[in-house]
N, C-alpha and C. Protein backbone atom coordinates (compact mmCIF):
# COMPACT_ATOMS: atom_id res chain seq x y z
N MET A 1 177.22 -187.06 76.34
CA MET A 1 176.62 -187.81 76.40
C MET A 1 175.91 -188.19 77.83
N ASN A 2 174.50 -187.07 77.59
CA ASN A 2 173.66 -186.73 78.44
C ASN A 2 173.47 -186.90 79.95
N THR A 3 172.86 -186.58 80.61
CA THR A 3 172.75 -186.91 82.72
C THR A 3 172.13 -188.55 82.01
N HIS A 4 171.37 -188.32 81.59
CA HIS A 4 170.01 -189.30 81.44
C HIS A 4 170.93 -190.69 81.49
N GLN A 5 171.84 -190.92 80.25
CA GLN A 5 173.04 -192.11 79.02
C GLN A 5 173.69 -192.33 80.18
N ILE A 6 173.95 -191.19 81.34
CA ILE A 6 174.90 -191.62 82.05
C ILE A 6 174.34 -192.86 83.64
N MET A 7 173.05 -191.86 83.28
CA MET A 7 172.54 -192.45 84.43
C MET A 7 171.98 -194.39 84.57
N THR A 8 171.64 -194.70 83.16
CA THR A 8 171.67 -195.51 82.45
C THR A 8 172.55 -196.27 82.06
N GLN A 9 173.46 -196.38 81.26
CA GLN A 9 174.75 -196.69 81.23
C GLN A 9 175.70 -197.30 82.61
N GLU A 10 175.59 -196.33 83.82
CA GLU A 10 175.27 -196.68 84.85
C GLU A 10 174.88 -197.60 85.82
N LEU A 11 173.36 -198.02 85.18
CA LEU A 11 172.65 -198.26 86.61
C LEU A 11 172.63 -200.21 86.00
N ARG A 12 173.70 -200.57 84.59
CA ARG A 12 173.71 -200.82 83.72
C ARG A 12 174.88 -202.67 83.98
N SER A 13 175.34 -201.77 85.67
CA SER A 13 176.47 -202.80 86.51
C SER A 13 176.15 -203.73 86.51
N GLY A 14 174.42 -204.59 87.04
CA GLY A 14 174.09 -205.38 87.41
C GLY A 14 173.38 -205.51 89.04
N LEU A 15 173.30 -204.03 89.54
CA LEU A 15 173.00 -204.36 91.14
C LEU A 15 171.39 -203.42 89.85
N ALA A 16 170.16 -204.12 91.27
CA ALA A 16 168.85 -203.80 91.11
C ALA A 16 168.59 -202.28 90.54
N ALA A 17 168.78 -201.64 89.03
CA ALA A 17 168.34 -200.24 88.02
C ALA A 17 166.54 -199.65 89.87
N ALA A 18 166.34 -200.12 89.57
CA ALA A 18 165.47 -199.24 90.51
C ALA A 18 165.17 -198.92 91.55
N PRO A 19 166.03 -199.11 93.08
CA PRO A 19 166.57 -198.92 93.92
C PRO A 19 167.31 -197.48 93.78
N LEU A 20 168.03 -197.67 92.34
CA LEU A 20 169.39 -196.68 92.63
C LEU A 20 169.32 -195.63 91.58
N ARG A 21 168.20 -195.46 90.50
CA ARG A 21 167.19 -194.94 89.96
C ARG A 21 167.56 -193.63 91.54
N GLY A 22 166.81 -193.38 92.75
CA GLY A 22 165.84 -192.77 93.04
C GLY A 22 167.90 -192.28 93.63
N GLU A 23 168.24 -193.16 94.38
CA GLU A 23 169.49 -193.18 94.33
C GLU A 23 170.57 -191.97 93.17
N TYR A 24 170.14 -192.41 92.75
CA TYR A 24 171.15 -191.38 91.32
C TYR A 24 171.33 -189.71 91.77
N GLY A 25 169.41 -189.66 92.00
CA GLY A 25 168.70 -188.35 91.82
C GLY A 25 169.48 -187.42 93.04
N ALA A 26 169.27 -188.51 94.42
CA ALA A 26 169.50 -187.64 95.42
C ALA A 26 171.03 -187.28 95.84
N VAL A 27 172.19 -188.44 94.70
CA VAL A 27 173.47 -188.37 95.06
C VAL A 27 174.11 -186.10 93.95
N ALA A 28 172.93 -186.70 92.84
CA ALA A 28 173.21 -185.93 92.26
C ALA A 28 172.71 -184.61 92.86
N ALA A 29 171.85 -184.09 93.44
CA ALA A 29 171.54 -183.28 94.56
C ALA A 29 172.85 -182.91 95.04
N LEU A 30 173.23 -183.95 95.37
CA LEU A 30 174.02 -184.19 96.92
C LEU A 30 175.01 -182.96 96.26
N LEU A 31 175.73 -183.71 94.60
CA LEU A 31 177.09 -182.90 94.49
C LEU A 31 176.64 -181.64 94.27
N ASP A 32 175.11 -181.03 93.55
CA ASP A 32 174.77 -179.65 93.36
C ASP A 32 174.94 -179.16 94.52
N ARG A 33 174.85 -179.42 95.83
CA ARG A 33 174.62 -179.01 97.01
C ARG A 33 176.06 -178.35 97.05
N TYR A 34 177.29 -179.64 97.34
CA TYR A 34 178.76 -179.61 96.23
C TYR A 34 179.04 -178.31 96.06
N TYR A 35 178.95 -177.71 95.12
CA TYR A 35 179.66 -176.36 94.70
C TYR A 35 178.69 -175.98 94.85
N GLU A 36 177.66 -176.13 94.37
CA GLU A 36 176.99 -174.52 95.48
C GLU A 36 177.91 -173.54 96.46
N GLY A 37 178.17 -174.79 97.30
CA GLY A 37 179.58 -174.13 98.46
C GLY A 37 180.51 -174.11 97.89
N LEU A 38 181.08 -174.53 96.91
CA LEU A 38 182.10 -174.01 96.46
C LEU A 38 182.45 -172.76 96.11
N TYR A 39 180.49 -172.51 94.99
CA TYR A 39 180.84 -171.83 94.20
C TYR A 39 180.44 -170.47 95.41
N TYR A 40 179.99 -170.53 95.73
CA TYR A 40 179.31 -169.41 96.83
C TYR A 40 180.35 -168.80 98.24
N GLY A 41 181.26 -169.98 98.61
CA GLY A 41 182.28 -170.12 99.95
C GLY A 41 181.05 -169.75 100.86
N ASN A 42 181.27 -171.78 100.46
CA ASN A 42 179.37 -171.28 102.05
C ASN A 42 180.33 -172.34 102.24
N THR A 43 180.77 -172.15 103.66
CA THR A 43 181.90 -173.53 104.03
C THR A 43 180.56 -174.24 105.44
N GLU A 44 179.37 -173.80 105.62
CA GLU A 44 178.93 -174.13 106.37
C GLU A 44 177.97 -175.33 105.30
N LEU A 45 177.90 -175.13 103.94
CA LEU A 45 176.90 -176.07 103.50
C LEU A 45 178.20 -177.43 103.10
N LEU A 46 179.01 -176.74 102.70
CA LEU A 46 180.16 -177.81 102.41
C LEU A 46 180.55 -178.46 103.81
N ARG A 47 180.33 -178.39 104.87
CA ARG A 47 180.13 -178.99 106.22
C ARG A 47 179.08 -179.87 106.14
N GLN A 48 178.28 -179.64 105.28
CA GLN A 48 176.53 -180.70 105.20
C GLN A 48 176.92 -181.72 104.36
N VAL A 49 177.84 -181.55 103.12
CA VAL A 49 178.01 -181.93 102.31
C VAL A 49 179.16 -183.10 102.69
N PHE A 50 180.14 -182.66 103.08
CA PHE A 50 181.20 -183.39 103.36
C PHE A 50 180.66 -184.66 105.45
N HIS A 51 181.58 -185.87 104.66
CA HIS A 51 180.99 -185.73 106.49
C HIS A 51 182.44 -185.57 106.77
N PRO A 52 182.00 -185.95 108.59
CA PRO A 52 182.78 -185.50 109.51
C PRO A 52 184.92 -185.54 109.44
N ALA A 53 184.61 -187.17 108.59
CA ALA A 53 185.65 -188.46 108.51
C ALA A 53 186.19 -187.72 106.76
N ALA A 54 186.37 -186.66 106.35
CA ALA A 54 186.27 -186.82 104.79
C ALA A 54 188.34 -186.17 105.10
N THR A 55 188.34 -186.08 103.28
CA THR A 55 188.90 -186.34 103.27
C THR A 55 189.70 -185.59 101.83
N TYR A 56 190.97 -184.24 102.30
CA TYR A 56 191.05 -184.02 100.50
C TYR A 56 192.56 -183.74 100.60
N ALA A 57 192.87 -183.56 98.47
CA ALA A 57 193.91 -184.71 98.43
C ALA A 57 193.95 -184.43 97.07
N THR A 58 194.51 -183.85 96.63
CA THR A 58 195.39 -183.88 95.18
C THR A 58 196.96 -183.81 95.73
N ALA A 59 197.70 -184.43 94.53
CA ALA A 59 198.73 -183.92 94.15
C ALA A 59 198.83 -183.26 92.46
N ALA A 60 198.56 -182.45 92.74
CA ALA A 60 198.70 -181.64 90.93
C ALA A 60 199.95 -179.71 91.07
N GLY A 61 200.16 -180.16 92.63
CA GLY A 61 201.32 -178.85 92.56
C GLY A 61 202.62 -179.65 93.09
N GLY A 62 202.21 -180.98 92.94
CA GLY A 62 203.71 -182.06 92.31
C GLY A 62 204.22 -182.59 93.80
N GLU A 63 203.62 -181.85 94.64
CA GLU A 63 203.77 -182.27 96.18
C GLU A 63 202.05 -182.74 96.85
N LEU A 64 202.43 -183.98 97.52
CA LEU A 64 200.92 -184.35 97.89
C LEU A 64 200.69 -182.86 98.80
N LEU A 65 199.53 -183.15 98.64
CA LEU A 65 198.52 -182.10 99.80
C LEU A 65 196.74 -182.40 100.34
N ARG A 66 197.57 -182.88 101.31
CA ARG A 66 196.54 -183.79 102.36
C ARG A 66 195.85 -183.33 103.64
N LEU A 67 194.11 -182.74 103.26
CA LEU A 67 193.29 -182.44 104.72
C LEU A 67 192.20 -183.31 105.36
N ASP A 68 192.50 -182.86 105.89
CA ASP A 68 190.51 -183.36 106.97
C ASP A 68 190.25 -181.64 106.45
N LEU A 69 188.40 -182.23 107.01
CA LEU A 69 188.25 -181.02 106.93
C LEU A 69 187.81 -179.51 107.46
N ASP A 70 188.47 -180.19 108.75
CA ASP A 70 188.99 -178.88 109.91
C ASP A 70 189.83 -178.08 108.95
N GLY A 71 191.22 -179.12 108.23
CA GLY A 71 191.76 -178.16 107.79
C GLY A 71 191.80 -177.36 106.20
N TYR A 72 190.48 -178.05 105.30
CA TYR A 72 189.96 -177.37 104.57
C TYR A 72 189.09 -176.42 104.71
N LEU A 73 188.29 -176.11 105.47
CA LEU A 73 187.04 -175.56 105.38
C LEU A 73 187.48 -174.56 105.57
N PRO A 74 188.32 -174.28 106.37
CA PRO A 74 188.48 -173.06 106.22
C PRO A 74 189.42 -172.13 105.06
N VAL A 75 190.58 -172.99 104.67
CA VAL A 75 190.63 -172.13 103.31
C VAL A 75 189.88 -171.65 102.35
N VAL A 76 188.15 -172.36 102.03
CA VAL A 76 187.54 -172.37 101.68
C VAL A 76 187.10 -170.67 101.81
N ALA A 77 186.92 -170.73 102.92
CA ALA A 77 186.51 -169.00 103.47
C ALA A 77 187.03 -168.46 103.29
N LYS A 78 188.45 -168.67 103.76
CA LYS A 78 189.53 -167.13 103.40
C LYS A 78 189.96 -166.56 101.81
N ARG A 79 189.78 -167.65 101.54
CA ARG A 79 190.36 -167.10 99.20
C ARG A 79 188.20 -166.21 99.08
N GLU A 80 188.74 -165.33 98.42
CA GLU A 80 186.97 -165.27 98.30
C GLU A 80 186.54 -165.86 96.52
N SER A 81 185.54 -166.26 96.90
CA SER A 81 184.11 -166.81 95.91
C SER A 81 184.81 -166.92 95.22
N PRO A 82 184.30 -167.24 94.26
CA PRO A 82 184.09 -167.41 92.63
C PRO A 82 182.76 -166.17 92.35
N ALA A 83 181.81 -166.66 92.55
CA ALA A 83 180.61 -165.47 92.87
C ALA A 83 181.17 -164.11 93.37
N SER A 84 182.22 -163.91 94.45
CA SER A 84 182.41 -162.27 94.17
C SER A 84 183.46 -162.07 93.51
N LEU A 85 183.97 -162.78 92.57
CA LEU A 85 184.75 -162.41 91.81
C LEU A 85 183.66 -162.75 90.22
N GLY A 86 182.33 -162.48 90.23
CA GLY A 86 181.86 -163.59 88.78
C GLY A 86 182.04 -164.55 87.66
N GLU A 87 182.75 -164.71 88.43
CA GLU A 87 183.02 -165.76 87.74
C GLU A 87 181.46 -167.02 87.10
N ARG A 88 181.53 -167.79 85.77
CA ARG A 88 180.05 -168.02 85.58
C ARG A 88 179.69 -169.33 86.85
N TYR A 89 178.44 -169.82 86.59
CA TYR A 89 178.06 -170.41 87.11
C TYR A 89 177.84 -172.43 87.20
N GLY A 90 179.02 -172.97 87.31
CA GLY A 90 178.59 -174.36 86.45
C GLY A 90 180.25 -175.41 86.94
N PHE A 91 178.84 -176.11 87.06
CA PHE A 91 179.86 -177.52 86.71
C PHE A 91 179.65 -178.75 85.61
N GLU A 92 180.63 -179.42 85.43
CA GLU A 92 179.60 -180.75 84.45
C GLU A 92 180.10 -182.09 84.94
N LEU A 93 178.90 -182.90 85.53
CA LEU A 93 178.65 -183.84 86.43
C LEU A 93 179.41 -185.15 84.82
N GLU A 94 180.18 -186.12 84.90
CA GLU A 94 180.46 -186.79 84.07
C GLU A 94 180.05 -188.27 84.75
N SER A 95 179.83 -188.42 85.78
CA SER A 95 179.32 -189.72 85.98
C SER A 95 179.76 -189.77 87.48
N ILE A 96 178.25 -191.00 87.81
CA ILE A 96 178.42 -191.57 89.00
C ILE A 96 177.71 -192.59 89.29
N LEU A 97 179.10 -193.46 89.75
CA LEU A 97 178.60 -194.73 89.41
C LEU A 97 178.85 -195.41 91.11
N PHE A 98 177.40 -196.59 90.54
CA PHE A 98 177.45 -197.17 91.95
C PHE A 98 177.77 -198.84 92.28
N ALA A 99 178.89 -199.18 92.90
CA ALA A 99 179.33 -200.15 93.41
C ALA A 99 178.71 -200.83 94.83
N GLY A 100 177.24 -200.16 95.43
CA GLY A 100 176.89 -200.95 96.22
C GLY A 100 174.92 -199.95 96.52
N PRO A 101 174.46 -200.50 97.47
CA PRO A 101 173.08 -198.83 97.91
C PRO A 101 173.98 -197.46 98.71
N THR A 102 175.25 -197.96 98.86
CA THR A 102 174.85 -197.01 99.72
C THR A 102 177.56 -196.87 99.85
N VAL A 103 177.44 -197.22 97.97
CA VAL A 103 178.89 -196.37 97.72
C VAL A 103 179.14 -196.86 96.64
N ALA A 104 179.63 -195.06 96.89
CA ALA A 104 178.76 -194.06 94.53
C ALA A 104 180.47 -193.70 94.81
N LEU A 105 181.21 -193.09 93.57
CA LEU A 105 182.11 -192.47 92.95
C LEU A 105 181.82 -191.94 92.16
N ALA A 106 181.97 -189.98 91.86
CA ALA A 106 181.26 -189.87 90.79
C ALA A 106 182.72 -188.62 90.12
N LYS A 107 182.03 -187.67 89.52
CA LYS A 107 183.23 -187.42 88.63
C LYS A 107 182.90 -186.16 87.63
N MET A 108 183.28 -185.05 88.35
CA MET A 108 182.91 -184.31 88.75
C MET A 108 184.00 -182.62 87.67
N ARG A 109 184.14 -181.72 86.76
CA ARG A 109 184.56 -181.14 86.62
C ARG A 109 184.48 -179.83 86.13
N SER A 110 184.79 -178.28 85.76
CA SER A 110 184.27 -177.27 86.43
C SER A 110 186.06 -176.67 86.56
N THR A 111 185.29 -174.60 86.12
CA THR A 111 186.68 -173.97 85.84
C THR A 111 186.62 -173.47 87.58
N MET A 112 187.32 -172.35 88.41
CA MET A 112 186.95 -171.38 89.26
C MET A 112 188.72 -170.92 89.33
N LEU A 113 188.40 -169.85 90.21
CA LEU A 113 189.46 -169.20 90.57
C LEU A 113 190.60 -169.76 90.04
N GLY A 114 191.21 -169.16 88.25
CA GLY A 114 191.52 -169.39 86.86
C GLY A 114 192.20 -171.22 87.29
N LYS A 115 191.87 -171.72 87.77
CA LYS A 115 192.25 -173.77 87.63
C LYS A 115 191.00 -174.03 86.53
N ARG A 116 190.93 -175.66 86.56
CA ARG A 116 190.47 -176.10 85.64
C ARG A 116 190.68 -177.68 86.92
N PHE A 117 189.44 -178.02 87.21
CA PHE A 117 189.20 -178.76 87.90
C PHE A 117 188.74 -179.86 87.62
N VAL A 118 189.07 -181.17 88.07
CA VAL A 118 188.68 -182.96 87.59
C VAL A 118 188.28 -182.83 89.09
N ASP A 119 187.26 -183.87 89.77
CA ASP A 119 187.32 -183.56 90.94
C ASP A 119 186.73 -185.54 90.97
N LEU A 120 187.35 -186.23 91.91
CA LEU A 120 187.00 -187.84 92.08
C LEU A 120 186.58 -187.83 93.50
N LEU A 121 184.98 -187.70 93.67
CA LEU A 121 184.41 -187.73 95.27
C LEU A 121 183.95 -188.80 95.41
N SER A 122 184.96 -189.57 96.05
CA SER A 122 184.27 -190.50 96.92
C SER A 122 182.37 -190.36 98.05
N LEU A 123 181.90 -191.33 97.27
CA LEU A 123 180.49 -191.22 98.20
C LEU A 123 180.27 -191.98 98.86
N LEU A 124 179.99 -192.25 100.11
CA LEU A 124 178.93 -193.46 101.10
C LEU A 124 177.63 -193.05 101.54
N LYS A 125 176.28 -193.46 102.00
CA LYS A 125 175.25 -193.23 102.65
C LYS A 125 175.92 -194.21 103.72
N VAL A 126 175.34 -193.00 104.78
CA VAL A 126 175.43 -193.35 106.49
C VAL A 126 174.47 -192.87 107.13
N ASP A 127 173.80 -193.86 108.13
CA ASP A 127 172.54 -192.60 108.70
C ASP A 127 171.59 -193.00 107.64
N GLY A 128 171.68 -193.01 106.29
CA GLY A 128 170.50 -192.87 105.62
C GLY A 128 170.56 -191.27 104.51
N GLU A 129 172.34 -191.07 104.17
CA GLU A 129 172.42 -190.20 104.10
C GLU A 129 173.10 -189.66 103.20
N TRP A 130 174.01 -189.26 102.13
CA TRP A 130 174.26 -188.89 101.17
C TRP A 130 176.23 -188.34 101.65
N ARG A 131 177.39 -188.60 101.62
CA ARG A 131 177.76 -187.05 102.26
C ARG A 131 179.54 -188.15 101.51
N ILE A 132 180.32 -186.64 100.99
CA ILE A 132 181.11 -187.25 100.66
C ILE A 132 182.96 -187.23 101.82
N LEU A 133 183.18 -189.00 101.24
CA LEU A 133 183.99 -188.81 102.08
C LEU A 133 185.49 -188.84 101.93
N ALA A 134 185.95 -188.48 100.08
CA ALA A 134 187.50 -187.63 100.03
C ALA A 134 186.94 -187.22 98.31
N LYS A 135 187.44 -186.02 98.84
CA LYS A 135 187.22 -185.33 97.78
C LYS A 135 189.25 -185.32 97.58
N VAL A 136 189.53 -186.25 95.50
CA VAL A 136 190.93 -186.25 95.57
C VAL A 136 190.76 -186.11 94.61
N PHE A 137 191.14 -185.35 94.02
CA PHE A 137 191.45 -184.34 92.63
C PHE A 137 192.26 -183.89 92.06
N HIS A 138 192.36 -183.40 90.32
CA HIS A 138 193.57 -182.49 90.05
C HIS A 138 193.46 -181.80 89.25
N TYR A 139 194.14 -180.46 89.35
CA TYR A 139 193.76 -178.38 88.53
C TYR A 139 194.63 -178.37 87.21
N ASP A 140 194.64 -177.55 86.29
CA ASP A 140 195.45 -176.57 85.20
C ASP A 140 195.40 -175.89 85.41
N ILE A 141 196.73 -175.48 85.70
CA ILE A 141 196.36 -173.25 85.36
C ILE A 141 195.09 -173.48 84.01
N ASP A 142 193.96 -172.91 84.44
CA ASP A 142 192.95 -171.98 82.30
C ASP A 142 193.48 -171.49 82.34
N VAL A 143 194.61 -171.19 81.36
CA VAL A 143 194.75 -170.21 80.18
C VAL A 143 194.00 -169.52 79.55
N PRO A 144 193.20 -168.77 79.75
CA PRO A 144 193.05 -167.59 78.31
C PRO A 144 193.54 -167.91 77.37
N VAL A 145 191.83 -168.51 76.29
CA VAL A 145 192.19 -168.39 74.67
C VAL A 145 192.26 -167.23 73.90
N ARG A 146 192.94 -166.41 73.89
CA ARG A 146 192.72 -164.54 72.99
C ARG A 146 192.85 -165.21 71.64
N GLY A 147 191.22 -164.10 70.93
CA GLY A 147 191.44 -163.87 69.28
C GLY A 147 192.31 -163.01 69.04
N ASP A 148 192.44 -163.31 68.82
CA ASP A 148 193.85 -162.21 67.88
C ASP A 148 193.24 -161.26 66.07
């Protein structure tokens, strides 16, 4: 399913489609910036896309890991970025679902730093700007397939 099909499918939710088309583009642009921040380890860019009250959470390691934004950004700053390691740039935006004109949920997939991630991102439009309020994610270890 391509991006246009996803957008069309999500807009069939009964909400007014015309205003949300512009919102879809705004959210997709924010998600591009989110991934760019992750890929390059750009914490200033990440600070711009996350709401100051954002939560970062996973239980993929077997226990709950939950950080606020001030706890999460230093983790990104300390690690080697995927860009510095020469990893391929790219993510898959699976869907953006709008619950209303100021609430959206995005699902993204990416592979970086030896892990395959699925991010569920809750977004709010506050003061006219979309921001990520919650990043809840799962990861699996990316085991390279060897050809014999």
